Amino acid sequence: MKIFLLEDDKLQRKHIKNIIERTILQHHIAVTELFDTGSATALIERVKSESDRGPQMLYFLDIEIKDGKTRNRQLRKGLEVHIKFEN
């Protein structure tokens, strides 16, 4: 299984990643990759480059992401990322 985490807040991302890692160890889950980023674009590029896309991919997507250039909050960004995966 591959796990992808999108969270723009570094502290929250670190906390969520730690929870995921502890859960993986505690339940002996076979994970080949845990990719975390604060950039929706980086996540989209990483997932689109996957040759083995399928049901063994788990996504944790932040719904509200700050725009890196203007620092404005973009609501529903995580949902938009999900839609791009489907296309």
C-alpha atoms as a PDB file:
ATOM      1  CA  MET A   1       0.000   0.000   0.000  1.00  0.00           C
ATOM      2  CA  LYS A   2       1.105   3.549  -0.722  1.00  0.00           C
ATOM      3  CA  ILE A   3      -0.043   6.412   1.486  1.00  0.00           C
ATOM      4  CA  PHE A   4      -0.166  10.063   0.408  1.00  0.00           C
ATOM      5  CA  LEU A   5      -0.637  12.973   2.817  1.00  0.00           C
ATOM      6  CA  LEU A   6      -1.443  16.556   1.791  1.00  0.00           C
ATOM      7  CA  GLU A   7      -1.340  19.098   4.623  1.00  0.00           C
ATOM      8  CA  ASP A   8       0.057  22.627   4.274  1.00  0.00           C
ATOM      9  CA  ASP A   9       0.551  23.231   8.008  1.00  0.00           C
ATOM     10  CA  LYS A  10       3.970  21.707   8.818  1.00  0.00           C
ATOM     11  CA  LEU A  11       3.149  20.939  12.462  1.00  0.00           C
ATOM     12  CA  GLN A  12      -0.150  19.309  11.599  1.00  0.00           C
ATOM     13  CA  ARG A  13       1.497  17.350   8.764  1.00  0.00           C
ATOM     14  CA  LYS A  14       4.203  16.071  11.134  1.00  0.00           C
ATOM     15  CA  HIS A  15       1.583  15.103  13.725  1.00  0.00           C
ATOM     16  CA  ILE A  16      -0.608  13.281  11.186  1.00  0.00           C
ATOM     17  CA  LYS A  17       2.428  11.515   9.704  1.00  0.00           C
ATOM     18  CA  ASN A  18       3.459  10.324  13.175  1.00  0.00           C
ATOM     19  CA  ILE A  19      -0.035   8.944  13.792  1.00  0.00           C
ATOM     20  CA  ILE A  20       0.034   7.141  10.445  1.00  0.00           C
ATOM     21  CA  GLU A  21       3.498   5.688  11.131  1.00  0.00           C
ATOM     22  CA  ARG A  22       2.470   4.459  14.605  1.00  0.00           C
ATOM     23  CA  THR A  23      -0.678   2.886  13.165  1.00  0.00           C
ATOM     24  CA  ILE A  24       1.336   1.128  10.462  1.00  0.00           C
ATOM     25  CA  LEU A  25       3.691  -0.344  13.060  1.00  0.00           C
ATOM     26  CA  GLN A  26       0.987  -1.213  15.571  1.00  0.00           C
ATOM     27  CA  HIS A  27      -1.175  -3.063  13.050  1.00  0.00           C
ATOM     28  CA  HIS A  28       1.649  -4.481  10.907  1.00  0.00           C
ATOM     29  CA  ILE A  29       0.344  -2.853   7.730  1.00  0.00           C
ATOM     30  CA  ALA A  30       2.432  -3.429   4.627  1.00  0.00           C
ATOM     31  CA  VAL A  31       3.251   0.055   3.348  1.00  0.00           C
ATOM     32  CA  THR A  32       5.753   0.575   0.542  1.00  0.00           C
ATOM     33  CA  GLU A  33       5.647   4.378   0.598  1.00  0.00           C
ATOM     34  CA  LEU A  34       4.470   7.234   2.804  1.00  0.00           C
ATOM     35  CA  PHE A  35       4.648  10.478   0.803  1.00  0.00           C
ATOM     36  CA  ASP A  36       3.825  13.724   2.584  1.00  0.00           C
ATOM     37  CA  THR A  37       3.787  17.255   1.221  1.00  0.00           C
ATOM     38  CA  GLY A  38       2.288  20.693   1.757  1.00  0.00           C
ATOM     39  CA  SER A  39       1.906  21.311  -1.969  1.00  0.00           C
ATOM     40  CA  ALA A  40      -1.156  20.180  -3.904  1.00  0.00           C
ATOM     41  CA  THR A  41       0.841  20.457  -7.131  1.00  0.00           C
ATOM     42  CA  ALA A  42       3.631  18.221  -5.801  1.00  0.00           C
ATOM     43  CA  LEU A  43       1.122  15.611  -4.710  1.00  0.00           C
ATOM     44  CA  ILE A  44      -0.675  15.632  -8.055  1.00  0.00           C
ATOM     45  CA  GLU A  45       2.619  15.267  -9.944  1.00  0.00           C
ATOM     46  CA  ARG A  46       3.754  12.431  -7.655  1.00  0.00           C
ATOM     47  CA  VAL A  47       0.523  10.471  -7.971  1.00  0.00           C
ATOM     48  CA  LYS A  48       0.226  11.022 -11.721  1.00  0.00           C
ATOM     49  CA  SER A  49       3.774   9.648 -12.138  1.00  0.00           C
ATOM     50  CA  GLU A  50       2.721   6.384 -10.459  1.00  0.00           C
ATOM     51  CA  SER A  51       2.693   3.525 -12.924  1.00  0.00           C
ATOM     52  CA  ASP A  52       0.917   1.251 -10.441  1.00  0.00           C
ATOM     53  CA  ARG A  53      -2.178   3.263  -9.532  1.00  0.00           C
ATOM     54  CA  GLY A  54      -5.020   1.394  -7.976  1.00  0.00           C
ATOM     55  CA  PRO A  55      -6.964   0.456  -4.875  1.00  0.00           C
ATOM     56  CA  GLN A  56      -3.818   0.059  -2.757  1.00  0.00           C
ATOM     57  CA  MET A  57      -3.347   3.835  -2.529  1.00  0.00           C
ATOM     58  CA  LEU A  58      -4.636   5.751   0.504  1.00  0.00           C
ATOM     59  CA  TYR A  59      -4.958   9.543   0.533  1.00  0.00           C
ATOM     60  CA  PHE A  60      -5.211  11.992   3.434  1.00  0.00           C
ATOM     61  CA  LEU A  61      -6.153  15.332   1.872  1.00  0.00           C
ATOM     62  CA  ASP A  62      -6.388  18.685   3.636  1.00  0.00           C
ATOM     63  CA  ILE A  63      -9.565  20.440   2.533  1.00  0.00           C
ATOM     64  CA  GLU A  64      -8.236  23.989   3.090  1.00  0.00           C
ATOM     65  CA  ILE A  65      -4.789  24.747   1.617  1.00  0.00           C
ATOM     66  CA  LYS A  66      -2.895  28.048   1.628  1.00  0.00           C
ATOM     67  CA  ASP A  67      -1.848  29.306  -1.786  1.00  0.00           C
ATOM     68  CA  GLY A  68       1.963  29.383  -1.710  1.00  0.00           C
ATOM     69  CA  LYS A  69       2.180  32.672  -3.627  1.00  0.00           C
ATOM     70  CA  THR A  70      -0.545  34.782  -2.052  1.00  0.00           C
ATOM     71  CA  ARG A  71      -0.935  32.828   1.215  1.00  0.00           C
ATOM     72  CA  ASN A  72      -4.713  33.040   0.721  1.00  0.00           C
ATOM     73  CA  ARG A  73      -6.680  30.056   1.935  1.00  0.00           C
ATOM     74  CA  GLN A  74      -8.217  27.955  -0.797  1.00  0.00           C
ATOM     75  CA  LEU A  75     -11.224  26.039   0.458  1.00  0.00           C
ATOM     76  CA  ARG A  76     -11.919  22.598  -0.982  1.00  0.00           C
ATOM     77  CA  LYS A  77      -8.395  22.303  -2.448  1.00  0.00           C
ATOM     78  CA  GLY A  78      -8.100  18.705  -1.213  1.00  0.00           C
ATOM     79  CA  LEU A  79     -11.317  17.832  -3.027  1.00  0.00           C
ATOM     80  CA  GLU A  80      -9.976  19.415  -6.210  1.00  0.00           C
ATOM     81  CA  VAL A  81      -6.836  17.299  -5.881  1.00  0.00           C
ATOM     82  CA  HIS A  82      -8.979  14.180  -5.591  1.00  0.00           C
ATOM     83  CA  ILE A  83     -10.873  15.106  -8.753  1.00  0.00           C
ATOM     84  CA  LYS A  84      -7.560  15.471 -10.646  1.00  0.00           C
ATOM     85  CA  PHE A  85      -6.596  11.928  -9.568  1.00  0.00           C
ATOM     86  CA  GLU A  86      -9.794  10.584 -11.083  1.00  0.00           C
ATOM     87  CA  ASN A  87      -9.067  12.169 -14.484  1.00  0.00           C
END
